[in-house]
C-alpha atoms as a PDB file:
ATOM      1  CA  MET A   1      69.005  22.680 -90.528  1.00  0.00           C
ATOM      2  CA  HIS A   2      70.104  20.320 -87.668  1.00  0.00           C
ATOM      3  CA  VAL A   3      67.863  17.567 -85.935  1.00  0.00           C
ATOM      4  CA  LEU A   4      68.041  16.709 -82.500  1.00  0.00           C
ATOM      5  CA  VAL A   5      67.783  12.874 -81.490  1.00  0.00           C
ATOM      6  CA  ALA A   6      67.233  12.446 -78.036  1.00  0.00           C
ATOM      7  CA  GLY A   7      66.820   9.017 -76.381  1.00  0.00           C
ATOM      8  CA  GLN A   8      68.054   5.832 -75.346  1.00  0.00           C
ATOM      9  CA  GLY A   9      69.045   3.191 -77.986  1.00  0.00           C
ATOM     10  CA  SER A  10      68.307   5.633 -80.405  1.00  0.00           C
ATOM     11  CA  GLU A  11      71.049   5.036 -83.025  1.00  0.00           C
ATOM     12  CA  PRO A  12      68.576   3.894 -85.577  1.00  0.00           C
ATOM     13  CA  ALA A  13      66.424   6.865 -85.420  1.00  0.00           C
ATOM     14  CA  ALA A  14      69.444   9.171 -85.784  1.00  0.00           C
ATOM     15  CA  GLN A  15      70.692   6.987 -89.033  1.00  0.00           C
ATOM     16  CA  ALA A  16      67.207   7.532 -90.356  1.00  0.00           C
ATOM     17  CA  ALA A  17      67.244  11.342 -89.628  1.00  0.00           C
ATOM     18  CA  SER A  18      70.596  11.828 -91.366  1.00  0.00           C
ATOM     19  CA  THR A  19      69.077  10.543 -94.820  1.00  0.00           C
ATOM     20  CA  ILE A  20      66.392  13.531 -94.709  1.00  0.00           C
ATOM     21  CA  ALA A  21      66.716  15.471 -97.512  1.00  0.00           C
ATOM     22  CA  GLY A  22      67.677  19.106 -96.403  1.00  0.00           C
ATOM     23  CA  VAL A  23      69.279  17.755 -93.015  1.00  0.00           C
ATOM     24  CA  ASP A  24      72.787  19.022 -92.798  1.00  0.00           C
ATOM     25  CA  LYS A  25      73.621  17.344 -89.105  1.00  0.00           C
ATOM     26  CA  VAL A  26      71.908  15.158 -86.722  1.00  0.00           C
ATOM     27  CA  LEU A  27      72.743  15.685 -82.756  1.00  0.00           C
ATOM     28  CA  HIS A  28      72.573  12.447 -81.101  1.00  0.00           C
ATOM     29  CA  ALA A  29      72.184  12.394 -77.292  1.00  0.00           C
ATOM     30  CA  GLN A  30      71.253   9.317 -75.549  1.00  0.00           C
ATOM     31  CA  ALA A  31      70.947   8.524 -71.723  1.00  0.00           C
ATOM     32  CA  PRO A  32      68.321   6.523 -69.714  1.00  0.00           C
ATOM     33  CA  GLY A  33      66.876   9.931 -68.633  1.00  0.00           C
ATOM     34  CA  LEU A  34      66.284  10.417 -72.243  1.00  0.00           C
ATOM     35  CA  ALA A  35      64.625   7.105 -72.753  1.00  0.00           C
ATOM     36  CA  HIS A  36      60.885   7.780 -72.753  1.00  0.00           C
ATOM     37  CA  GLY A  37      60.831  11.538 -73.908  1.00  0.00           C
ATOM     38  CA  LEU A  38      60.109  12.912 -70.547  1.00  0.00           C
ATOM     39  CA  ALA A  39      59.672  16.720 -71.022  1.00  0.00           C
ATOM     40  CA  GLU A  40      61.541  18.050 -68.237  1.00  0.00           C
ATOM     41  CA  ASN A  41      64.848  16.341 -69.496  1.00  0.00           C
ATOM     42  CA  LEU A  42      64.095  16.652 -73.112  1.00  0.00           C
ATOM     43  CA  ALA A  43      63.798  20.512 -72.603  1.00  0.00           C
ATOM     44  CA  SER A  44      67.064  20.498 -70.658  1.00  0.00           C
ATOM     45  CA  GLN A  45      68.868  18.787 -73.457  1.00  0.00           C
ATOM     46  CA  VAL A  46      67.437  21.248 -75.867  1.00  0.00           C
ATOM     47  CA  VAL A  47      68.244  24.416 -73.904  1.00  0.00           C
ATOM     48  CA  ALA A  48      71.792  23.078 -73.353  1.00  0.00           C
ATOM     49  CA  ILE A  49      72.519  23.697 -77.309  1.00  0.00           C
ATOM     50  CA  ALA A  50      69.990  26.349 -77.640  1.00  0.00           C
ATOM     51  CA  SER A  51      72.527  29.412 -77.865  1.00  0.00           C
ATOM     52  CA  ALA A  52      73.618  28.128 -81.025  1.00  0.00           C
ATOM     53  CA  TYR A  53      70.622  28.487 -83.020  1.00  0.00           C
ATOM     54  CA  SER A  54      68.330  31.134 -84.248  1.00  0.00           C
ATOM     55  CA  HIS A  55      65.214  29.042 -84.611  1.00  0.00           C
ATOM     56  CA  ILE A  56      64.209  25.851 -82.449  1.00  0.00           C
ATOM     57  CA  LEU A  57      61.066  24.234 -84.101  1.00  0.00           C
ATOM     58  CA  PHE A  58      58.953  21.587 -82.650  1.00  0.00           C
ATOM     59  CA  PRO A  59      56.083  19.648 -84.414  1.00  0.00           C
ATOM     60  CA  ALA A  60      52.742  20.834 -82.977  1.00  0.00           C
ATOM     61  CA  THR A  61      51.815  17.187 -81.438  1.00  0.00           C
ATOM     62  CA  ALA A  62      51.161  16.207 -77.951  1.00  0.00           C
ATOM     63  CA  ASN A  63      54.728  15.709 -77.127  1.00  0.00           C
ATOM     64  CA  GLY A  64      55.956  18.931 -79.065  1.00  0.00           C
ATOM     65  CA  LYS A  65      53.470  20.875 -77.102  1.00  0.00           C
ATOM     66  CA  ASN A  66      54.509  19.408 -74.027  1.00  0.00           C
ATOM     67  CA  VAL A  67      58.223  20.351 -74.632  1.00  0.00           C
ATOM     68  CA  ALA A  68      58.382  23.588 -76.715  1.00  0.00           C
ATOM     69  CA  PRO A  69      56.816  25.872 -73.951  1.00  0.00           C
ATOM     70  CA  ARG A  70      59.516  24.579 -71.042  1.00  0.00           C
ATOM     71  CA  VAL A  71      62.144  25.748 -73.620  1.00  0.00           C
ATOM     72  CA  ALA A  72      60.619  28.834 -74.299  1.00  0.00           C
ATOM     73  CA  ALA A  73      60.378  29.607 -70.384  1.00  0.00           C
ATOM     74  CA  LEU A  74      63.938  28.511 -69.423  1.00  0.00           C
ATOM     75  CA  LEU A  75      65.052  30.873 -72.447  1.00  0.00           C
ATOM     76  CA  ASP A  76      62.797  33.869 -71.325  1.00  0.00           C
ATOM     77  CA  VAL A  77      61.467  34.203 -74.865  1.00  0.00           C
ATOM     78  CA  ALA A  78      58.045  34.095 -76.536  1.00  0.00           C
ATOM     79  CA  GLN A  79      56.825  30.859 -78.091  1.00  0.00           C
ATOM     80  CA  VAL A  80      55.302  31.324 -81.694  1.00  0.00           C
ATOM     81  CA  SER A  81      52.601  28.322 -81.810  1.00  0.00           C
ATOM     82  CA  ASP A  82      50.909  26.365 -84.473  1.00  0.00           C
ATOM     83  CA  VAL A  83      52.846  28.134 -87.542  1.00  0.00           C
ATOM     84  CA  THR A  84      51.460  27.145 -90.668  1.00  0.00           C
ATOM     85  CA  LYS A  85      53.559  29.420 -92.924  1.00  0.00           C
ATOM     86  CA  VAL A  86      57.044  31.000 -93.013  1.00  0.00           C
ATOM     87  CA  VAL A  87      56.835  34.584 -94.146  1.00  0.00           C
ATOM     88  CA  SER A  88      60.406  35.642 -93.359  1.00  0.00           C
ATOM     89  CA  ALA A  89      63.008  34.918 -90.697  1.00  0.00           C
ATOM     90  CA  ASP A  90      61.203  36.621 -88.026  1.00  0.00           C
ATOM     91  CA  THR A  91      57.437  36.282 -89.368  1.00  0.00           C
ATOM     92  CA  PHE A  92      55.189  33.678 -89.437  1.00  0.00           C
ATOM     93  CA  GLU A  93      51.595  33.047 -89.886  1.00  0.00           C
ATOM     94  CA  ARG A  94      49.375  30.960 -87.239  1.00  0.00           C
ATOM     95  CA  PRO A  95      45.997  30.085 -87.262  1.00  0.00           C
ATOM     96  CA  ILE A  96      43.352  31.788 -84.428  1.00  0.00           C
ATOM     97  CA  TYR A  97      39.779  31.323 -83.448  1.00  0.00           C
ATOM     98  CA  ALA A  98      39.591  27.768 -84.409  1.00  0.00           C
ATOM     99  CA  GLY A  99      41.082  28.348 -87.978  1.00  0.00           C
ATOM    100  CA  ASN A 100      38.808  31.095 -88.742  1.00  0.00           C
ATOM    101  CA  ALA A 101      41.047  34.002 -88.857  1.00  0.00           C
ATOM    102  CA  ILE A 102      45.006  33.927 -89.516  1.00  0.00           C
ATOM    103  CA  ALA A 103      47.256  35.995 -87.509  1.00  0.00           C
ATOM    104  CA  THR A 104      50.588  37.154 -88.747  1.00  0.00           C
ATOM    105  CA  VAL A 105      53.334  37.329 -85.898  1.00  0.00           C
ATOM    106  CA  GLN A 106      56.496  39.024 -85.935  1.00  0.00           C
ATOM    107  CA  SER A 107      59.018  37.739 -83.201  1.00  0.00           C
ATOM    108  CA  SER A 108      61.726  40.195 -81.950  1.00  0.00           C
ATOM    109  CA  ASP A 109      63.191  37.439 -79.777  1.00  0.00           C
ATOM    110  CA  SER A 110      66.921  36.711 -80.500  1.00  0.00           C
ATOM    111  CA  ILE A 111      65.806  32.888 -80.471  1.00  0.00           C
ATOM    112  CA  LYS A 112      62.665  31.773 -81.844  1.00  0.00           C
ATOM    113  CA  VAL A 113      60.845  28.825 -80.314  1.00  0.00           C
ATOM    114  CA  MET A 114      57.994  27.645 -82.663  1.00  0.00           C
ATOM    115  CA  THR A 115      55.440  24.850 -83.037  1.00  0.00           C
ATOM    116  CA  VAL A 116      54.949  23.915 -86.483  1.00  0.00           C
ATOM    117  CA  ARG A 117      51.451  22.403 -87.551  1.00  0.00           C
ATOM    118  CA  THR A 118      52.888  19.726 -89.614  1.00  0.00           C
ATOM    119  CA  THR A 119      49.597  19.490 -92.035  1.00  0.00           C
ATOM    120  CA  GLY A 120      50.605  23.036 -93.287  1.00  0.00           C
ATOM    121  CA  PHE A 121      53.832  22.033 -95.065  1.00  0.00           C
ATOM    122  CA  ASP A 122      54.510  19.155 -97.610  1.00  0.00           C
ATOM    123  CA  ALA A 123      56.780  16.347 -95.857  1.00  0.00           C
ATOM    124  CA  ALA A 124      60.499  16.409 -96.569  1.00  0.00           C
ATOM    125  CA  SER A 125      61.772  13.195 -98.695  1.00  0.00           C
ATOM    126  CA  ALA A 126      62.920  10.546 -96.234  1.00  0.00           C
ATOM    127  CA  THR A 127      65.822   9.663 -98.702  1.00  0.00           C
ATOM    128  CA  GLY A 128      68.639  11.757-100.559  1.00  0.00           C
ATOM    129  CA  GLY A 129      70.026  13.514 -97.400  1.00  0.00           C
ATOM    130  CA  GLN A 130      73.886  12.694 -96.390  1.00  0.00           C
ATOM    131  CA  ALA A 131      73.827  14.275 -93.053  1.00  0.00           C
ATOM    132  CA  SER A 132      76.536  13.684 -90.325  1.00  0.00           C
ATOM    133  CA  VAL A 133      75.557  12.420 -87.019  1.00  0.00           C
ATOM    134  CA  GLU A 134      77.457  14.229 -84.173  1.00  0.00           C
ATOM    135  CA  SER A 135      77.398  12.628 -80.311  1.00  0.00           C
ATOM    136  CA  LEU A 136      76.274  15.145 -77.800  1.00  0.00           C
ATOM    137  CA  GLN A 137      76.948  14.641 -74.132  1.00  0.00           C
ATOM    138  CA  ALA A 138      73.437  14.037 -72.614  1.00  0.00           C
ATOM    139  CA  VAL A 139      72.334  16.207 -69.826  1.00  0.00           C
ATOM    140  CA  ALA A 140      71.701  14.664 -66.415  1.00  0.00           C
ATOM    141  CA  ASP A 141      68.402  13.472 -65.280  1.00  0.00           C
ATOM    142  CA  GLY A 142      66.947  16.412 -63.571  1.00  0.00           C
ATOM    143  CA  GLY A 143      64.694  13.726 -61.381  1.00  0.00           C
ATOM    144  CA  MET A 144      61.717  15.947 -61.627  1.00  0.00           C
ATOM    145  CA  SER A 145      59.488  13.124 -63.003  1.00  0.00           C
ATOM    146  CA  THR A 146      60.081   9.455 -63.684  1.00  0.00           C
ATOM    147  CA  PHE A 147      58.419   7.104 -66.379  1.00  0.00           C
ATOM    148  CA  GLY A 148      55.737   4.729 -64.691  1.00  0.00           C
ATOM    149  CA  GLY A 149      54.440   2.947 -67.740  1.00  0.00           C
ATOM    150  CA  SER A 150      52.273   3.270 -71.102  1.00  0.00           C
ATOM    151  CA  GLU A 151      49.181   1.389 -72.527  1.00  0.00           C
ATOM    152  CA  ILE A 152      49.909   1.539 -76.364  1.00  0.00           C
ATOM    153  CA  ALA A 153      46.575   1.464 -78.215  1.00  0.00           C
ATOM    154  CA  LYS A 154      46.876  -1.406 -80.931  1.00  0.00           C
ATOM    155  CA  SER A 155      45.102  -1.027 -84.361  1.00  0.00           C
ATOM    156  CA  ASP A 156      45.752  -2.382 -87.650  1.00  0.00           C
ATOM    157  CA  ARG A 157      44.329   0.739 -89.257  1.00  0.00           C
ATOM    158  CA  PRO A 158      46.764   3.596 -89.959  1.00  0.00           C
ATOM    159  CA  GLU A 159      47.530   6.209 -87.342  1.00  0.00           C
ATOM    160  CA  LEU A 160      45.054   8.860 -87.631  1.00  0.00           C
ATOM    161  CA  THR A 161      47.354  11.832 -88.177  1.00  0.00           C
ATOM    162  CA  ALA A 162      49.162   9.978 -90.763  1.00  0.00           C
ATOM    163  CA  ALA A 163      46.209   8.278 -92.705  1.00  0.00           C
ATOM    164  CA  LYS A 164      45.572   9.090 -96.447  1.00  0.00           C
ATOM    165  CA  ILE A 165      41.642   8.303 -95.611  1.00  0.00           C
ATOM    166  CA  ILE A 166      40.018   8.772 -92.742  1.00  0.00           C
ATOM    167  CA  VAL A 167      36.522   7.748 -91.973  1.00  0.00           C
ATOM    168  CA  SER A 168      34.437   9.927 -89.318  1.00  0.00           C
ATOM    169  CA  GLY A 169      31.653   9.621 -87.264  1.00  0.00           C
ATOM    170  CA  GLY A 170      29.542  11.922 -85.359  1.00  0.00           C
ATOM    171  CA  ARG A 171      26.908  12.163 -82.724  1.00  0.00           C
ATOM    172  CA  ALA A 172      24.243  10.869 -85.228  1.00  0.00           C
ATOM    173  CA  LEU A 173      25.693   7.529 -85.024  1.00  0.00           C
ATOM    174  CA  GLY A 174      24.047   7.159 -81.605  1.00  0.00           C
ATOM    175  CA  ALA A 175      25.876   4.340 -79.985  1.00  0.00           C
ATOM    176  CA  ALA A 176      29.319   2.713 -79.615  1.00  0.00           C
ATOM    177  CA  ASP A 177      28.068  -0.703 -81.714  1.00  0.00           C
ATOM    178  CA  LYS A 178      26.832   1.540 -84.398  1.00  0.00           C
ATOM    179  CA  PHE A 179      30.175   3.057 -84.927  1.00  0.00           C
ATOM    180  CA  ASN A 180      31.269  -0.368 -85.728  1.00  0.00           C
ATOM    181  CA  GLU A 181      28.507  -1.758 -87.281  1.00  0.00           C
ATOM    182  CA  VAL A 182      28.150   1.259 -90.024  1.00  0.00           C
ATOM    183  CA  LEU A 183      31.514   2.513 -90.131  1.00  0.00           C
ATOM    184  CA  THR A 184      34.037  -0.049 -89.858  1.00  0.00           C
ATOM    185  CA  PRO A 185      33.108  -1.723 -93.139  1.00  0.00           C
ATOM    186  CA  LEU A 186      33.424   1.465 -94.960  1.00  0.00           C
ATOM    187  CA  ALA A 187      37.030   2.093 -93.275  1.00  0.00           C
ATOM    188  CA  ASP A 188      37.953  -1.481 -94.151  1.00  0.00           C
ATOM    189  CA  LYS A 189      36.860  -1.080 -97.975  1.00  0.00           C
ATOM    190  CA  LEU A 190      38.950   2.086 -97.908  1.00  0.00           C
ATOM    191  CA  GLY A 191      41.798   1.191 -96.089  1.00  0.00           C
ATOM    192  CA  ALA A 192      40.987   4.244 -93.978  1.00  0.00           C
ATOM    193  CA  ALA A 193      41.682   5.166 -90.068  1.00  0.00           C
ATOM    194  CA  LEU A 194      38.511   5.954 -88.070  1.00  0.00           C
ATOM    195  CA  GLY A 195      37.947   9.363 -86.733  1.00  0.00           C
ATOM    196  CA  ALA A 196      35.202  10.993 -84.830  1.00  0.00           C
ATOM    197  CA  SER A 197      33.556  14.315 -83.726  1.00  0.00           C
ATOM    198  CA  ARG A 198      34.418  15.652 -80.240  1.00  0.00           C
ATOM    199  CA  ALA A 199      30.286  14.932 -79.125  1.00  0.00           C
ATOM    200  CA  ALA A 200      30.579  11.352 -80.393  1.00  0.00           C
ATOM    201  CA  VAL A 201      33.698  11.109 -78.113  1.00  0.00           C
ATOM    202  CA  ASP A 202      32.042  12.723 -75.394  1.00  0.00           C
ATOM    203  CA  ALA A 203      29.140  10.306 -75.788  1.00  0.00           C
ATOM    204  CA  GLY A 204      31.090   7.380 -75.201  1.00  0.00           C
ATOM    205  CA  TYR A 205      30.725   6.131 -78.900  1.00  0.00           C
ATOM    206  CA  ALA A 206      34.291   6.467 -79.937  1.00  0.00           C
ATOM    207  CA  PRO A 207      37.639   6.452 -77.891  1.00  0.00           C
ATOM    208  CA  ASN A 208      39.401   9.733 -76.911  1.00  0.00           C
ATOM    209  CA  ASP A 209      42.561   8.981 -79.553  1.00  0.00           C
ATOM    210  CA  TRP A 210      39.803   9.160 -82.271  1.00  0.00           C
ATOM    211  CA  GLN A 211      38.978  12.852 -81.682  1.00  0.00           C
ATOM    212  CA  VAL A 212      39.427  15.039 -84.411  1.00  0.00           C
ATOM    213  CA  GLY A 213      39.283  18.688 -84.055  1.00  0.00           C
ATOM    214  CA  GLN A 214      40.641  21.891 -82.224  1.00  0.00           C
ATOM    215  CA  THR A 215      40.944  19.859 -78.958  1.00  0.00           C
ATOM    216  CA  GLY A 216      41.545  16.416 -80.808  1.00  0.00           C
ATOM    217  CA  LYS A 217      43.776  15.903 -83.521  1.00  0.00           C
ATOM    218  CA  ILE A 218      44.453  18.151 -86.572  1.00  0.00           C
ATOM    219  CA  VAL A 219      44.365  16.038 -89.798  1.00  0.00           C
ATOM    220  CA  ALA A 220      44.780  16.815 -93.497  1.00  0.00           C
ATOM    221  CA  PRO A 221      44.524  13.381 -95.077  1.00  0.00           C
ATOM    222  CA  GLU A 222      43.611  12.746 -98.987  1.00  0.00           C
ATOM    223  CA  LEU A 223      40.058  11.953 -98.540  1.00  0.00           C
ATOM    224  CA  TYR A 224      38.111  12.699 -95.280  1.00  0.00           C
ATOM    225  CA  VAL A 225      34.603  11.161 -95.197  1.00  0.00           C
ATOM    226  CA  ALA A 226      32.176  12.981 -92.550  1.00  0.00           C
ATOM    227  CA  CYS A 227      29.194  10.614 -91.674  1.00  0.00           C
ATOM    228  CA  GLY A 228      26.787  12.341 -89.388  1.00  0.00           C
ATOM    229  CA  ILE A 229      28.768  15.011 -88.516  1.00  0.00           C
ATOM    230  CA  SER A 230      27.359  18.415 -88.145  1.00  0.00           C
ATOM    231  CA  GLY A 231      30.358  20.718 -88.745  1.00  0.00           C
ATOM    232  CA  ALA A 232      30.793  22.476 -85.454  1.00  0.00           C
ATOM    233  CA  ILE A 233      33.636  24.972 -85.539  1.00  0.00           C
ATOM    234  CA  GLN A 234      35.556  22.954 -83.178  1.00  0.00           C
ATOM    235  CA  HIS A 235      35.541  19.856 -85.815  1.00  0.00           C
ATOM    236  CA  LEU A 236      36.159  21.704 -88.725  1.00  0.00           C
ATOM    237  CA  ALA A 237      39.290  23.228 -87.264  1.00  0.00           C
ATOM    238  CA  GLY A 238      40.906  19.977 -87.031  1.00  0.00           C
ATOM    239  CA  MET A 239      40.081  18.824 -90.821  1.00  0.00           C
ATOM    240  CA  LYS A 240      39.234  21.442 -93.225  1.00  0.00           C
ATOM    241  CA  ASP A 241      42.492  21.134 -94.741  1.00  0.00           C
ATOM    242  CA  SER A 242      41.589  17.512 -95.842  1.00  0.00           C
ATOM    243  CA  LYS A 243      42.311  17.492-100.070  1.00  0.00           C
ATOM    244  CA  VAL A 244      38.887  16.156-100.628  1.00  0.00           C
ATOM    245  CA  ILE A 245      35.799  15.974 -98.013  1.00  0.00           C
ATOM    246  CA  VAL A 246      32.875  14.161 -98.396  1.00  0.00           C
ATOM    247  CA  ALA A 247      29.764  14.621 -96.004  1.00  0.00           C
ATOM    248  CA  ILE A 248      26.694  12.422 -95.404  1.00  0.00           C
ATOM    249  CA  ASN A 249      23.996  13.948 -93.285  1.00  0.00           C
ATOM    250  CA  LYS A 250      20.405  14.366 -93.235  1.00  0.00           C
ATOM    251  CA  ASP A 251      20.259  17.896 -92.424  1.00  0.00           C
ATOM    252  CA  PRO A 252      20.638  20.105 -95.237  1.00  0.00           C
ATOM    253  CA  GLU A 253      21.529  23.265 -92.887  1.00  0.00           C
ATOM    254  CA  ALA A 254      24.574  21.349 -91.315  1.00  0.00           C
ATOM    255  CA  PRO A 255      27.597  23.303 -91.599  1.00  0.00           C
ATOM    256  CA  ILE A 256      29.673  20.553 -92.863  1.00  0.00           C
ATOM    257  CA  PHE A 257      28.188  20.946 -96.002  1.00  0.00           C
ATOM    258  CA  SER A 258      29.923  24.476 -96.107  1.00  0.00           C
ATOM    259  CA  VAL A 259      33.368  22.695 -96.673  1.00  0.00           C
ATOM    260  CA  ALA A 260      32.278  19.552 -98.175  1.00  0.00           C
ATOM    261  CA  ASP A 261      33.473  18.935-101.771  1.00  0.00           C
ATOM    262  CA  TYR A 262      31.104  16.293-102.300  1.00  0.00           C
ATOM    263  CA  GLY A 263      27.886  16.490 -99.971  1.00  0.00           C
ATOM    264  CA  LEU A 264      25.037  13.789 -99.869  1.00  0.00           C
ATOM    265  CA  GLU A 265      21.951  14.709 -97.932  1.00  0.00           C
ATOM    266  CA  ALA A 266      20.712  11.316 -96.700  1.00  0.00           C
ATOM    267  CA  ASP A 267      20.351   9.014 -93.681  1.00  0.00           C
ATOM    268  CA  LEU A 268      23.804   7.623 -92.886  1.00  0.00           C
ATOM    269  CA  PHE A 269      22.356   4.386 -91.734  1.00  0.00           C
ATOM    270  CA  THR A 270      20.957   3.989 -95.338  1.00  0.00           C
ATOM    271  CA  ALA A 271      23.674   5.698 -97.428  1.00  0.00           C
ATOM    272  CA  VAL A 272      26.742   4.265 -96.000  1.00  0.00           C
ATOM    273  CA  PRO A 273      25.902   0.704 -96.178  1.00  0.00           C
ATOM    274  CA  GLU A 274      24.866   1.420 -99.709  1.00  0.00           C
ATOM    275  CA  LEU A 275      28.258   2.880-100.336  1.00  0.00           C
ATOM    276  CA  VAL A 276      30.034  -0.234 -98.874  1.00  0.00           C
ATOM    277  CA  LYS A 277      28.248  -2.217-101.412  1.00  0.00           C
ATOM    278  CA  SER A 278      28.865   0.022-104.291  1.00  0.00           C
ATOM    279  CA  LEU A 279      32.700  -0.491-103.257  1.00  0.00           C
END
């Protein structure tokens, strides 16, 4: 198992990768063109070393999904997306139809390019490894794109996909200020990240980076608290692997109750403040 670390000033990341349990070697490439993870340059860097490998894996994140298809196209192979289980060296499981069915996919390509759903596997230990770090010659900047800038969302809360506890709200909250008024105290008590359904995001009640679901972020925290979320297939696909799911909804027929470990049929505007007081 080799890990590619590509960037600029990325020595600390390479050293950190070398201590991950199970890693045999870290390949380190750095150049100005790799500084911001531009997909075109990063894909070229991967392709430059691809012939030495049978499997090339990316996380099924925004960045991974940006680079992996470019690598697969340049290598003229099919991509296997959202892998949740490795059956054998050429056979994998992946969810389809918003997670309502699992497809078993077999690849005959000489190089398997895959994106892996990180919530489907246990994290490797960050310590215990003693991999060597090998410097690579970085590819030349292809000039196809340039980094213009970024706006980083700053929050004291855990990042959504890494949070152990998530409190999510749906369209039933009715307004952005209600999101803050009702859910923020609960999230503060639990030390939780805040999430939202697509309906709530589309209505402007919550920012885009809070969206949980098939077209948002896939999460699997220890505890997921769904407040006023009906449980559309789109949303369930993003959170149904959570270890414990608590649903608060006044509609007894809401689909969210079908996946909830604990369901409370109640008005969230009454139940959530009472829960905060109890905590």
